[in-house]
N, C-alpha and C. Protein backbone atom coordinates (compact mmCIF):
# COMPACT_ATOMS: atom_id res chain seq x y z
N MET A 1 -23.51 -17.00 7.79
CA MET A 1 -22.78 -17.45 6.60
C MET A 1 -22.45 -18.94 6.71
N THR A 2 -22.35 -19.63 5.56
CA THR A 2 -22.03 -21.04 5.55
C THR A 2 -20.53 -21.26 5.68
N SER A 3 -20.17 -22.50 5.98
CA SER A 3 -18.76 -22.81 6.11
C SER A 3 -18.03 -22.64 4.78
N ASP A 4 -18.72 -22.89 3.65
CA ASP A 4 -18.07 -22.73 2.34
C ASP A 4 -17.71 -21.27 2.08
N ALA A 5 -18.54 -20.35 2.54
CA ALA A 5 -18.24 -18.93 2.34
C ALA A 5 -17.16 -18.44 3.28
N LEU A 6 -17.09 -18.99 4.48
CA LEU A 6 -16.11 -18.54 5.48
C LEU A 6 -14.77 -19.25 5.35
N ALA A 7 -14.77 -20.44 4.75
CA ALA A 7 -13.56 -21.25 4.71
C ALA A 7 -12.37 -20.54 4.07
N PRO A 8 -12.51 -19.84 2.93
CA PRO A 8 -11.32 -19.18 2.35
C PRO A 8 -10.67 -18.19 3.31
N ILE A 9 -11.47 -17.35 3.96
CA ILE A 9 -10.89 -16.38 4.90
C ILE A 9 -10.29 -17.10 6.10
N PHE A 10 -10.98 -18.14 6.57
CA PHE A 10 -10.51 -18.85 7.75
C PHE A 10 -9.16 -19.52 7.51
N PHE A 11 -9.06 -20.28 6.42
CA PHE A 11 -7.81 -21.01 6.16
C PHE A 11 -6.69 -20.07 5.71
N LEU A 12 -7.03 -18.98 5.07
CA LEU A 12 -6.01 -17.98 4.75
C LEU A 12 -5.45 -17.37 6.04
N SER A 13 -6.32 -17.06 6.98
CA SER A 13 -5.88 -16.51 8.26
C SER A 13 -5.00 -17.50 9.01
N ALA A 14 -5.37 -18.78 8.96
CA ALA A 14 -4.57 -19.80 9.64
C ALA A 14 -3.20 -19.93 8.99
N GLY A 15 -3.16 -19.90 7.65
CA GLY A 15 -1.88 -20.02 6.95
C GLY A 15 -0.96 -18.84 7.21
N LEU A 16 -1.52 -17.64 7.21
CA LEU A 16 -0.71 -16.45 7.48
C LEU A 16 -0.16 -16.48 8.91
N LEU A 17 -0.94 -17.03 9.83
CA LEU A 17 -0.47 -17.11 11.22
C LEU A 17 0.71 -18.08 11.33
N VAL A 18 0.64 -19.20 10.61
CA VAL A 18 1.77 -20.15 10.62
C VAL A 18 3.01 -19.49 10.04
N LEU A 19 2.85 -18.76 8.95
CA LEU A 19 3.98 -18.08 8.32
C LEU A 19 4.58 -17.03 9.26
N ALA A 20 3.73 -16.25 9.90
CA ALA A 20 4.22 -15.22 10.82
C ALA A 20 4.94 -15.86 12.00
N GLY A 21 4.43 -16.97 12.50
CA GLY A 21 5.09 -17.66 13.61
C GLY A 21 6.46 -18.17 13.23
N ALA A 22 6.58 -18.71 12.02
CA ALA A 22 7.87 -19.24 11.56
C ALA A 22 8.91 -18.13 11.46
N THR A 23 8.51 -16.95 10.98
CA THR A 23 9.47 -15.85 10.86
C THR A 23 9.94 -15.38 12.24
N LYS A 24 9.06 -15.41 13.22
CA LYS A 24 9.46 -15.00 14.58
C LYS A 24 10.42 -16.01 15.20
N ILE A 25 10.24 -17.28 14.91
CA ILE A 25 11.13 -18.29 15.46
C ILE A 25 12.52 -18.18 14.84
N LEU A 26 12.57 -17.93 13.53
CA LEU A 26 13.84 -17.84 12.83
C LEU A 26 14.56 -16.52 13.10
N ARG A 27 13.79 -15.42 13.17
CA ARG A 27 14.37 -14.09 13.38
C ARG A 27 13.62 -13.38 14.50
N PRO A 28 13.92 -13.70 15.76
CA PRO A 28 13.14 -13.14 16.87
C PRO A 28 13.53 -11.72 17.26
N ASP A 29 14.71 -11.25 16.83
CA ASP A 29 15.21 -9.95 17.31
C ASP A 29 14.24 -8.79 17.06
N PRO A 30 13.73 -8.59 15.83
CA PRO A 30 12.83 -7.45 15.61
C PRO A 30 11.55 -7.54 16.45
N THR A 31 11.03 -8.74 16.61
CA THR A 31 9.82 -8.89 17.42
C THR A 31 10.11 -8.57 18.88
N ALA A 32 11.25 -9.04 19.38
CA ALA A 32 11.63 -8.74 20.77
C ALA A 32 11.78 -7.24 20.98
N GLN A 33 12.38 -6.55 20.02
CA GLN A 33 12.55 -5.10 20.14
C GLN A 33 11.20 -4.40 20.11
N ALA A 34 10.30 -4.85 19.23
CA ALA A 34 8.96 -4.24 19.17
C ALA A 34 8.21 -4.45 20.48
N MET A 35 8.37 -5.60 21.09
CA MET A 35 7.73 -5.86 22.38
C MET A 35 8.29 -4.94 23.46
N LEU A 36 9.60 -4.74 23.45
CA LEU A 36 10.21 -3.81 24.41
C LEU A 36 9.68 -2.40 24.21
N ASP A 37 9.58 -1.97 22.95
CA ASP A 37 9.08 -0.63 22.66
C ASP A 37 7.64 -0.45 23.13
N ALA A 38 6.89 -1.54 23.16
CA ALA A 38 5.49 -1.47 23.60
C ALA A 38 5.35 -1.63 25.11
N GLY A 39 6.47 -1.78 25.82
CA GLY A 39 6.42 -1.94 27.27
C GLY A 39 6.17 -3.36 27.72
N LEU A 40 6.42 -4.33 26.84
CA LEU A 40 6.22 -5.74 27.18
C LEU A 40 7.58 -6.41 27.38
N PRO A 41 7.59 -7.58 28.03
CA PRO A 41 8.86 -8.31 28.17
C PRO A 41 9.40 -8.69 26.79
N GLY A 42 10.48 -8.08 26.38
CA GLY A 42 10.97 -8.27 25.03
C GLY A 42 12.24 -9.06 24.95
N THR A 43 12.21 -10.31 25.37
CA THR A 43 13.37 -11.18 25.26
C THR A 43 13.26 -12.02 23.99
N LEU A 44 14.39 -12.58 23.57
CA LEU A 44 14.36 -13.47 22.40
C LEU A 44 13.49 -14.69 22.66
N ALA A 45 13.55 -15.18 23.89
CA ALA A 45 12.73 -16.35 24.24
C ALA A 45 11.24 -16.01 24.15
N ALA A 46 10.88 -14.81 24.61
CA ALA A 46 9.47 -14.41 24.55
C ALA A 46 9.02 -14.26 23.10
N ALA A 47 9.88 -13.68 22.25
CA ALA A 47 9.52 -13.52 20.85
C ALA A 47 9.35 -14.87 20.17
N ARG A 48 10.27 -15.78 20.44
CA ARG A 48 10.14 -17.12 19.87
C ARG A 48 8.91 -17.84 20.43
N GLY A 49 8.61 -17.58 21.70
CA GLY A 49 7.42 -18.18 22.29
C GLY A 49 6.15 -17.74 21.58
N VAL A 50 6.08 -16.44 21.24
CA VAL A 50 4.93 -15.95 20.47
C VAL A 50 4.85 -16.66 19.13
N GLY A 51 6.02 -16.85 18.48
CA GLY A 51 6.04 -17.54 17.20
C GLY A 51 5.57 -18.98 17.31
N VAL A 52 5.98 -19.66 18.37
CA VAL A 52 5.55 -21.06 18.57
C VAL A 52 4.05 -21.12 18.75
N VAL A 53 3.50 -20.21 19.56
CA VAL A 53 2.05 -20.19 19.79
C VAL A 53 1.32 -19.95 18.47
N GLU A 54 1.82 -19.01 17.68
CA GLU A 54 1.17 -18.72 16.40
C GLU A 54 1.17 -19.94 15.48
N MET A 55 2.31 -20.61 15.38
CA MET A 55 2.37 -21.79 14.52
C MET A 55 1.45 -22.90 15.01
N MET A 56 1.43 -23.13 16.31
CA MET A 56 0.60 -24.20 16.86
C MET A 56 -0.88 -23.90 16.65
N VAL A 57 -1.30 -22.65 16.91
CA VAL A 57 -2.71 -22.30 16.74
C VAL A 57 -3.09 -22.34 15.27
N GLY A 58 -2.21 -21.83 14.39
CA GLY A 58 -2.52 -21.85 12.97
C GLY A 58 -2.67 -23.26 12.43
N MET A 59 -1.77 -24.17 12.81
CA MET A 59 -1.87 -25.55 12.35
C MET A 59 -3.07 -26.26 12.98
N TRP A 60 -3.33 -25.97 14.24
CA TRP A 60 -4.49 -26.55 14.92
C TRP A 60 -5.77 -26.13 14.20
N ALA A 61 -5.86 -24.86 13.86
CA ALA A 61 -7.06 -24.36 13.19
C ALA A 61 -7.22 -25.01 11.82
N GLY A 62 -6.09 -25.18 11.09
CA GLY A 62 -6.20 -25.77 9.76
C GLY A 62 -6.51 -27.25 9.77
N LEU A 63 -5.98 -27.97 10.76
CA LEU A 63 -6.15 -29.42 10.79
C LEU A 63 -7.39 -29.86 11.56
N ALA A 64 -7.73 -29.15 12.61
CA ALA A 64 -8.86 -29.57 13.46
C ALA A 64 -9.64 -28.36 13.96
N PRO A 65 -10.30 -27.64 13.06
CA PRO A 65 -11.08 -26.47 13.51
C PRO A 65 -12.24 -26.85 14.41
N ALA A 66 -12.81 -28.02 14.20
CA ALA A 66 -13.95 -28.43 15.01
C ALA A 66 -13.55 -28.81 16.43
N ALA A 67 -12.28 -29.10 16.65
CA ALA A 67 -11.80 -29.52 17.97
C ALA A 67 -11.28 -28.34 18.78
N GLY A 68 -11.75 -27.17 18.47
CA GLY A 68 -11.35 -25.98 19.21
C GLY A 68 -10.39 -25.09 18.46
N GLY A 69 -9.90 -25.56 17.31
CA GLY A 69 -8.94 -24.78 16.55
C GLY A 69 -9.51 -23.46 16.04
N ALA A 70 -10.77 -23.46 15.63
CA ALA A 70 -11.39 -22.24 15.11
C ALA A 70 -11.52 -21.19 16.21
N ILE A 71 -11.92 -21.62 17.41
CA ILE A 71 -12.06 -20.67 18.51
C ILE A 71 -10.70 -20.14 18.93
N ALA A 72 -9.69 -21.02 18.97
CA ALA A 72 -8.35 -20.58 19.34
C ALA A 72 -7.82 -19.56 18.33
N LEU A 73 -8.08 -19.79 17.04
CA LEU A 73 -7.63 -18.85 16.02
C LEU A 73 -8.30 -17.49 16.20
N GLY A 74 -9.63 -17.51 16.44
CA GLY A 74 -10.34 -16.25 16.65
C GLY A 74 -9.85 -15.51 17.88
N ALA A 75 -9.57 -16.24 18.95
CA ALA A 75 -9.11 -15.60 20.19
C ALA A 75 -7.73 -14.97 19.99
N LEU A 76 -6.83 -15.67 19.27
CA LEU A 76 -5.49 -15.13 19.08
C LEU A 76 -5.52 -13.88 18.19
N TYR A 77 -6.33 -13.91 17.15
CA TYR A 77 -6.43 -12.72 16.30
C TYR A 77 -7.09 -11.57 17.06
N ALA A 78 -7.99 -11.87 17.96
CA ALA A 78 -8.60 -10.81 18.78
C ALA A 78 -7.56 -10.18 19.70
N VAL A 79 -6.66 -11.00 20.25
CA VAL A 79 -5.57 -10.48 21.08
C VAL A 79 -4.67 -9.58 20.25
N PHE A 80 -4.34 -10.01 19.04
CA PHE A 80 -3.49 -9.19 18.17
C PHE A 80 -4.18 -7.87 17.80
N ALA A 81 -5.49 -7.92 17.59
CA ALA A 81 -6.23 -6.70 17.28
C ALA A 81 -6.17 -5.73 18.46
N GLY A 82 -6.31 -6.25 19.68
CA GLY A 82 -6.20 -5.40 20.86
C GLY A 82 -4.82 -4.80 21.01
N TYR A 83 -3.80 -5.59 20.70
CA TYR A 83 -2.41 -5.11 20.76
C TYR A 83 -2.18 -3.98 19.76
N LEU A 84 -2.68 -4.16 18.53
CA LEU A 84 -2.54 -3.12 17.53
C LEU A 84 -3.32 -1.87 17.90
N GLY A 85 -4.51 -2.06 18.47
CA GLY A 85 -5.28 -0.90 18.92
C GLY A 85 -4.55 -0.11 19.99
N PHE A 86 -3.88 -0.83 20.89
CA PHE A 86 -3.09 -0.16 21.93
C PHE A 86 -1.95 0.65 21.31
N LEU A 87 -1.24 0.05 20.34
CA LEU A 87 -0.14 0.77 19.70
C LEU A 87 -0.63 2.00 18.95
N LEU A 88 -1.75 1.89 18.27
CA LEU A 88 -2.26 3.03 17.51
C LEU A 88 -2.64 4.19 18.42
N VAL A 89 -3.07 3.89 19.63
CA VAL A 89 -3.47 4.94 20.57
C VAL A 89 -2.27 5.45 21.37
N ALA A 90 -1.51 4.52 21.94
CA ALA A 90 -0.43 4.90 22.86
C ALA A 90 0.90 5.17 22.17
N ARG A 91 1.18 4.45 21.09
CA ARG A 91 2.48 4.60 20.41
C ARG A 91 2.27 4.59 18.89
N PRO A 92 1.57 5.60 18.37
CA PRO A 92 1.28 5.61 16.92
C PRO A 92 2.51 5.75 16.04
N ASP A 93 3.63 6.24 16.61
CA ASP A 93 4.85 6.41 15.82
C ASP A 93 5.79 5.22 15.94
N ALA A 94 5.31 4.11 16.48
CA ALA A 94 6.15 2.92 16.63
C ALA A 94 6.65 2.47 15.26
N GLY A 95 7.93 2.11 15.19
CA GLY A 95 8.50 1.70 13.91
C GLY A 95 7.98 0.37 13.43
N SER A 96 7.59 -0.51 14.35
CA SER A 96 7.09 -1.83 13.96
C SER A 96 6.29 -2.42 15.11
N CYS A 97 5.28 -3.22 14.73
CA CYS A 97 4.51 -3.94 15.75
C CYS A 97 5.13 -5.30 16.03
N GLY A 98 6.14 -5.69 15.23
CA GLY A 98 6.80 -6.97 15.45
C GLY A 98 6.01 -8.16 14.95
N CYS A 99 5.00 -7.94 14.13
CA CYS A 99 4.11 -9.03 13.71
C CYS A 99 4.69 -9.89 12.60
N ALA A 100 5.68 -9.38 11.87
CA ALA A 100 6.18 -10.10 10.69
C ALA A 100 7.66 -10.42 10.80
N GLY A 101 8.14 -10.67 11.99
CA GLY A 101 9.53 -11.06 12.15
C GLY A 101 10.49 -9.97 11.70
N PRO A 102 11.38 -10.27 10.74
CA PRO A 102 12.40 -9.30 10.33
C PRO A 102 11.85 -8.12 9.55
N THR A 103 10.63 -8.21 9.06
CA THR A 103 10.05 -7.12 8.28
C THR A 103 9.39 -6.12 9.22
N ALA A 104 9.80 -4.85 9.13
CA ALA A 104 9.19 -3.82 9.97
C ALA A 104 7.77 -3.54 9.51
N VAL A 105 6.82 -3.63 10.42
CA VAL A 105 5.41 -3.42 10.10
C VAL A 105 4.88 -2.34 11.03
N PRO A 106 4.86 -1.08 10.59
CA PRO A 106 4.31 -0.02 11.45
C PRO A 106 2.84 -0.29 11.76
N PRO A 107 2.38 -0.03 12.98
CA PRO A 107 0.96 -0.23 13.29
C PRO A 107 0.10 0.66 12.41
N SER A 108 -0.97 0.09 11.89
CA SER A 108 -1.83 0.83 10.97
C SER A 108 -3.27 0.36 11.12
N ARG A 109 -4.19 1.21 10.69
CA ARG A 109 -5.61 0.84 10.75
C ARG A 109 -5.94 -0.33 9.83
N PRO A 110 -5.38 -0.39 8.59
CA PRO A 110 -5.67 -1.56 7.75
C PRO A 110 -5.26 -2.87 8.42
N HIS A 111 -4.12 -2.87 9.11
CA HIS A 111 -3.68 -4.07 9.80
C HIS A 111 -4.66 -4.44 10.92
N LEU A 112 -5.11 -3.43 11.65
CA LEU A 112 -6.09 -3.66 12.71
C LEU A 112 -7.38 -4.24 12.13
N VAL A 113 -7.84 -3.68 11.03
CA VAL A 113 -9.08 -4.16 10.40
C VAL A 113 -8.93 -5.61 9.96
N LEU A 114 -7.79 -5.94 9.35
CA LEU A 114 -7.58 -7.32 8.90
C LEU A 114 -7.58 -8.30 10.07
N ASN A 115 -7.02 -7.90 11.20
CA ASN A 115 -7.05 -8.77 12.37
C ASN A 115 -8.46 -8.95 12.91
N VAL A 116 -9.24 -7.88 12.90
CA VAL A 116 -10.62 -7.97 13.36
C VAL A 116 -11.43 -8.88 12.43
N VAL A 117 -11.21 -8.73 11.11
CA VAL A 117 -11.91 -9.58 10.14
C VAL A 117 -11.53 -11.04 10.33
N ALA A 118 -10.23 -11.31 10.54
CA ALA A 118 -9.78 -12.68 10.75
C ALA A 118 -10.39 -13.27 12.01
N ALA A 119 -10.43 -12.48 13.08
CA ALA A 119 -11.03 -12.97 14.32
C ALA A 119 -12.51 -13.26 14.14
N GLY A 120 -13.22 -12.33 13.48
CA GLY A 120 -14.64 -12.53 13.26
C GLY A 120 -14.93 -13.75 12.40
N ALA A 121 -14.13 -13.93 11.35
CA ALA A 121 -14.32 -15.09 10.47
C ALA A 121 -14.06 -16.39 11.21
N ALA A 122 -13.05 -16.40 12.08
CA ALA A 122 -12.74 -17.61 12.83
C ALA A 122 -13.86 -17.96 13.81
N PHE A 123 -14.37 -16.96 14.52
CA PHE A 123 -15.48 -17.24 15.45
C PHE A 123 -16.74 -17.67 14.70
N ALA A 124 -16.98 -17.06 13.54
CA ALA A 124 -18.15 -17.45 12.75
C ALA A 124 -17.97 -18.87 12.20
N TYR A 125 -16.75 -19.21 11.81
CA TYR A 125 -16.49 -20.55 11.29
C TYR A 125 -16.70 -21.60 12.37
N ALA A 126 -16.45 -21.22 13.62
CA ALA A 126 -16.65 -22.16 14.72
C ALA A 126 -18.12 -22.52 14.90
N ALA A 127 -19.01 -21.69 14.36
CA ALA A 127 -20.45 -21.94 14.50
C ALA A 127 -21.01 -22.72 13.32
N THR A 128 -20.15 -23.17 12.38
CA THR A 128 -20.57 -23.93 11.21
C THR A 128 -20.15 -25.39 11.38
N PRO A 129 -20.43 -26.24 10.39
CA PRO A 129 -19.95 -27.64 10.48
C PRO A 129 -18.43 -27.77 10.57
N ARG A 130 -17.66 -26.79 10.18
CA ARG A 130 -16.22 -26.67 10.38
C ARG A 130 -15.40 -27.82 9.79
N PRO A 131 -15.43 -28.03 8.48
CA PRO A 131 -14.55 -29.05 7.90
C PRO A 131 -13.09 -28.61 8.02
N SER A 132 -12.19 -29.58 8.10
CA SER A 132 -10.77 -29.26 8.17
C SER A 132 -10.28 -28.77 6.81
N GLY A 133 -9.06 -28.27 6.80
CA GLY A 133 -8.52 -27.77 5.55
C GLY A 133 -8.45 -28.84 4.48
N ARG A 134 -8.02 -30.04 4.85
CA ARG A 134 -7.93 -31.14 3.88
C ARG A 134 -9.30 -31.50 3.34
N ALA A 135 -10.30 -31.59 4.23
CA ALA A 135 -11.65 -31.94 3.79
C ALA A 135 -12.24 -30.84 2.91
N TRP A 136 -11.98 -29.60 3.27
CA TRP A 136 -12.52 -28.50 2.47
C TRP A 136 -11.93 -28.49 1.06
N ILE A 137 -10.62 -28.66 0.95
CA ILE A 137 -9.99 -28.67 -0.37
C ILE A 137 -10.45 -29.87 -1.19
N ALA A 138 -10.58 -31.03 -0.54
CA ALA A 138 -11.05 -32.21 -1.26
C ALA A 138 -12.46 -32.01 -1.78
N GLY A 139 -13.28 -31.28 -1.03
CA GLY A 139 -14.66 -31.05 -1.47
C GLY A 139 -14.78 -30.05 -2.60
N LEU A 140 -13.71 -29.33 -2.91
CA LEU A 140 -13.77 -28.34 -3.98
C LEU A 140 -13.70 -28.98 -5.36
N GLY A 141 -13.16 -30.19 -5.45
CA GLY A 141 -13.07 -30.86 -6.74
C GLY A 141 -12.10 -30.15 -7.68
N TRP A 142 -12.54 -29.98 -8.93
CA TRP A 142 -11.68 -29.37 -9.95
C TRP A 142 -11.35 -27.90 -9.64
N ALA A 143 -12.17 -27.26 -8.80
CA ALA A 143 -11.94 -25.85 -8.48
C ALA A 143 -10.89 -25.65 -7.40
N ALA A 144 -10.33 -26.74 -6.87
CA ALA A 144 -9.38 -26.60 -5.76
C ALA A 144 -8.14 -25.82 -6.17
N LEU A 145 -7.58 -26.12 -7.36
CA LEU A 145 -6.34 -25.47 -7.77
C LEU A 145 -6.50 -23.96 -7.93
N PRO A 146 -7.49 -23.47 -8.71
CA PRO A 146 -7.61 -22.01 -8.83
C PRO A 146 -7.95 -21.32 -7.51
N ILE A 147 -8.71 -21.98 -6.65
CA ILE A 147 -9.06 -21.35 -5.37
C ILE A 147 -7.83 -21.26 -4.47
N VAL A 148 -7.04 -22.33 -4.43
CA VAL A 148 -5.82 -22.30 -3.61
C VAL A 148 -4.85 -21.25 -4.14
N LEU A 149 -4.69 -21.17 -5.46
CA LEU A 149 -3.83 -20.14 -6.04
C LEU A 149 -4.36 -18.74 -5.71
N GLY A 150 -5.68 -18.58 -5.76
CA GLY A 150 -6.27 -17.29 -5.40
C GLY A 150 -6.01 -16.93 -3.95
N LEU A 151 -6.03 -17.93 -3.07
CA LEU A 151 -5.74 -17.67 -1.66
C LEU A 151 -4.28 -17.25 -1.47
N ILE A 152 -3.37 -17.86 -2.25
CA ILE A 152 -1.96 -17.47 -2.15
C ILE A 152 -1.79 -16.01 -2.57
N VAL A 153 -2.45 -15.63 -3.67
CA VAL A 153 -2.37 -14.23 -4.12
C VAL A 153 -3.00 -13.30 -3.09
N ALA A 154 -4.14 -13.70 -2.53
CA ALA A 154 -4.79 -12.88 -1.52
C ALA A 154 -3.91 -12.73 -0.28
N GLY A 155 -3.21 -13.81 0.09
CA GLY A 155 -2.30 -13.72 1.23
C GLY A 155 -1.15 -12.77 0.95
N TRP A 156 -0.62 -12.82 -0.27
CA TRP A 156 0.47 -11.89 -0.64
C TRP A 156 -0.01 -10.45 -0.59
N LEU A 157 -1.22 -10.20 -1.09
CA LEU A 157 -1.76 -8.84 -1.06
C LEU A 157 -1.97 -8.37 0.37
N ALA A 158 -2.41 -9.27 1.24
CA ALA A 158 -2.61 -8.90 2.65
C ALA A 158 -1.28 -8.54 3.30
N VAL A 159 -0.24 -9.31 2.97
CA VAL A 159 1.08 -9.00 3.52
C VAL A 159 1.57 -7.65 3.04
N VAL A 160 1.38 -7.36 1.76
CA VAL A 160 1.78 -6.05 1.21
C VAL A 160 1.00 -4.93 1.89
N ALA A 161 -0.30 -5.17 2.13
CA ALA A 161 -1.14 -4.13 2.72
C ALA A 161 -0.68 -3.74 4.12
N VAL A 162 -0.14 -4.70 4.87
CA VAL A 162 0.24 -4.40 6.26
C VAL A 162 1.73 -4.12 6.42
N THR A 163 2.53 -4.38 5.38
CA THR A 163 3.97 -4.13 5.48
C THR A 163 4.41 -2.91 4.68
N ALA A 164 4.18 -2.95 3.38
CA ALA A 164 4.69 -1.88 2.51
C ALA A 164 3.82 -0.64 2.51
N ALA A 165 2.50 -0.82 2.51
CA ALA A 165 1.60 0.33 2.36
C ALA A 165 1.73 1.35 3.49
N PRO A 166 1.71 0.95 4.78
CA PRO A 166 1.82 1.97 5.84
C PRO A 166 3.12 2.76 5.80
N ALA A 167 4.24 2.07 5.52
CA ALA A 167 5.52 2.77 5.45
C ALA A 167 5.55 3.75 4.29
N ALA A 168 4.99 3.34 3.15
CA ALA A 168 4.95 4.24 2.00
C ALA A 168 4.07 5.45 2.28
N PHE A 169 2.96 5.24 2.98
CA PHE A 169 2.07 6.35 3.29
C PHE A 169 2.75 7.33 4.23
N ARG A 170 3.49 6.81 5.22
CA ARG A 170 4.20 7.70 6.15
C ARG A 170 5.27 8.51 5.43
N ALA A 171 5.96 7.87 4.46
CA ALA A 171 7.00 8.58 3.73
C ALA A 171 6.42 9.65 2.82
N TRP A 172 5.22 9.42 2.30
CA TRP A 172 4.59 10.37 1.37
C TRP A 172 3.94 11.53 2.10
N THR A 173 3.38 11.29 3.28
CA THR A 173 2.64 12.32 4.00
C THR A 173 3.61 13.31 4.63
N PRO A 174 3.47 14.63 4.35
CA PRO A 174 4.36 15.62 4.98
C PRO A 174 4.11 15.68 6.48
N SER A 175 5.18 15.77 7.25
CA SER A 175 5.06 15.80 8.70
C SER A 175 4.86 17.23 9.19
N ALA A 176 4.49 17.34 10.48
CA ALA A 176 4.30 18.66 11.08
C ALA A 176 5.62 19.43 11.10
N HIS A 177 6.74 18.68 11.25
CA HIS A 177 8.05 19.35 11.26
C HIS A 177 8.32 20.00 9.91
N ASP A 178 7.95 19.30 8.83
CA ASP A 178 8.14 19.88 7.49
C ASP A 178 7.32 21.13 7.32
N ASP A 179 6.07 21.12 7.85
CA ASP A 179 5.22 22.30 7.75
C ASP A 179 5.84 23.48 8.50
N GLU A 180 6.37 23.21 9.72
CA GLU A 180 6.98 24.29 10.49
C GLU A 180 8.21 24.84 9.77
N HIS A 181 8.98 23.94 9.14
CA HIS A 181 10.17 24.39 8.43
C HIS A 181 9.78 25.26 7.23
N ALA A 182 8.68 24.87 6.57
CA ALA A 182 8.24 25.65 5.41
C ALA A 182 7.80 27.05 5.84
N HIS A 183 7.12 27.15 7.00
CA HIS A 183 6.68 28.46 7.49
C HIS A 183 7.87 29.30 7.95
N ALA A 184 8.86 28.66 8.55
CA ALA A 184 10.01 29.40 9.06
C ALA A 184 10.94 29.84 7.94
N HIS A 185 10.95 29.07 6.83
CA HIS A 185 11.83 29.39 5.71
C HIS A 185 11.01 29.43 4.43
N PRO A 186 10.31 30.52 4.15
CA PRO A 186 9.49 30.60 2.96
C PRO A 186 10.35 30.60 1.71
N ALA A 187 9.71 30.50 0.57
CA ALA A 187 10.41 30.43 -0.70
C ALA A 187 11.23 31.69 -0.92
N HIS A 188 12.43 31.52 -1.56
CA HIS A 188 13.32 32.65 -1.77
C HIS A 188 12.71 33.68 -2.69
N GLY A 189 11.90 33.23 -3.64
CA GLY A 189 11.26 34.17 -4.55
C GLY A 189 10.40 35.16 -3.80
N HIS A 190 9.69 34.68 -2.81
CA HIS A 190 8.84 35.56 -2.01
C HIS A 190 9.69 36.56 -1.24
N ASP A 191 10.89 36.12 -0.73
CA ASP A 191 11.79 37.03 -0.02
C ASP A 191 12.24 38.17 -0.93
N HIS A 192 12.59 37.85 -2.18
CA HIS A 192 13.06 38.88 -3.10
C HIS A 192 11.97 39.89 -3.41
N VAL A 193 10.76 39.42 -3.61
CA VAL A 193 9.65 40.33 -3.91
C VAL A 193 9.42 41.27 -2.74
N SER A 194 9.43 40.73 -1.52
CA SER A 194 9.20 41.58 -0.34
C SER A 194 10.32 42.61 -0.19
N THR A 195 11.57 42.21 -0.44
CA THR A 195 12.71 43.14 -0.32
C THR A 195 12.61 44.26 -1.34
N ASP A 196 12.29 43.95 -2.58
CA ASP A 196 12.15 44.98 -3.62
C ASP A 196 11.05 45.98 -3.26
N ARG A 197 9.97 45.48 -2.70
CA ARG A 197 8.86 46.36 -2.34
C ARG A 197 9.28 47.30 -1.22
N GLU A 198 10.00 46.78 -0.22
CA GLU A 198 10.44 47.62 0.89
C GLU A 198 11.44 48.68 0.43
N LEU A 199 12.35 48.34 -0.48
CA LEU A 199 13.30 49.32 -1.02
C LEU A 199 12.59 50.41 -1.80
N ALA A 200 11.59 49.99 -2.59
CA ALA A 200 10.84 50.99 -3.36
C ALA A 200 10.10 51.95 -2.45
N ASP A 201 9.55 51.45 -1.36
CA ASP A 201 8.86 52.33 -0.41
C ASP A 201 9.82 53.33 0.23
N ALA A 202 11.11 52.94 0.34
CA ALA A 202 12.11 53.84 0.93
C ALA A 202 12.72 54.78 -0.09
N GLY A 203 12.25 54.73 -1.35
CA GLY A 203 12.78 55.61 -2.39
C GLY A 203 14.05 55.12 -3.03
N ILE A 204 14.36 53.83 -2.88
CA ILE A 204 15.59 53.27 -3.47
C ILE A 204 15.17 52.37 -4.61
N ALA A 205 15.43 52.82 -5.84
CA ALA A 205 15.05 52.04 -7.01
C ALA A 205 16.06 50.93 -7.22
N SER A 206 15.74 50.07 -8.17
CA SER A 206 16.60 48.91 -8.39
C SER A 206 17.99 49.29 -8.88
N GLY A 207 18.16 50.46 -9.54
CA GLY A 207 19.47 50.86 -10.03
C GLY A 207 20.17 51.88 -9.17
N HIS A 208 19.68 52.12 -7.96
CA HIS A 208 20.24 53.14 -7.08
C HIS A 208 21.70 52.81 -6.76
N ALA A 209 22.55 53.87 -6.65
CA ALA A 209 23.99 53.67 -6.42
C ALA A 209 24.28 52.96 -5.12
N SER A 210 23.40 53.10 -4.12
CA SER A 210 23.66 52.46 -2.83
C SER A 210 23.62 50.94 -2.92
N LEU A 211 22.97 50.45 -3.98
CA LEU A 211 22.91 49.00 -4.16
C LEU A 211 24.13 48.48 -4.90
N TRP A 212 24.98 49.40 -5.41
CA TRP A 212 26.16 48.98 -6.17
C TRP A 212 27.39 49.66 -5.55
N PRO A 213 28.08 49.03 -4.68
CA PRO A 213 29.18 49.65 -3.93
C PRO A 213 30.28 50.24 -4.81
N ASN A 214 30.55 49.68 -5.96
CA ASN A 214 31.63 50.14 -6.83
C ASN A 214 31.18 51.18 -7.85
N THR A 215 29.94 51.65 -7.75
CA THR A 215 29.41 52.62 -8.70
C THR A 215 29.55 54.03 -8.14
N LYS A 216 30.09 54.95 -8.94
CA LYS A 216 30.24 56.35 -8.52
C LYS A 216 28.92 57.08 -8.73
N PRO A 217 28.66 58.08 -7.88
CA PRO A 217 27.39 58.82 -8.00
C PRO A 217 27.21 59.41 -9.38
N GLU A 218 28.34 59.92 -10.01
CA GLU A 218 28.17 60.57 -11.32
C GLU A 218 27.85 59.57 -12.42
N ASP A 219 28.05 58.25 -12.11
CA ASP A 219 27.74 57.25 -13.15
C ASP A 219 26.27 56.90 -13.14
N VAL A 220 25.53 57.34 -12.12
CA VAL A 220 24.12 56.97 -12.01
C VAL A 220 23.28 57.86 -12.95
């Protein structure tokens, strides 16, 4: 693929990385907790350190992809993909991967796929002439504004896909506990039907005096 075809994905990935890094620096607590839950050193300093690395690599990739920024971006996204793969296998019920600062982002396959795509696009971009973000936008001419706006919308959709969608899917999908509860406590209508059938088999009709404690035998 040419650099023109890869550039939108590449610079979008770089921009999202800068944004994610900034959120971790400002609000490191959720990321630190997610790191602890994954068995990693989960201090506030470590969480902020991850944010600093993300911002530096994202800006490096956007400003100087030809000077190693593209490879660094691909390597970092590959690390994140491996981290998400580990969570999906070892801790699939984790409340958050800590990737978006204060926003809880449960590990999900769509998030893993997006990281793999970002890593692949970055490595592929490293094999092209690799214009910087400023040079690429300048070369777009009159189409720069709609393309940049489209990238902003695409970035927002990507954020929604990895933040809101997995949580909504988990809330909608019935759990195994719900299934067990349903089997242990069937619908009341079914209980009534079974009880009536058992009484009828025992010769006790629905109006039998034994079912009405205050009814005298002669009233039946």
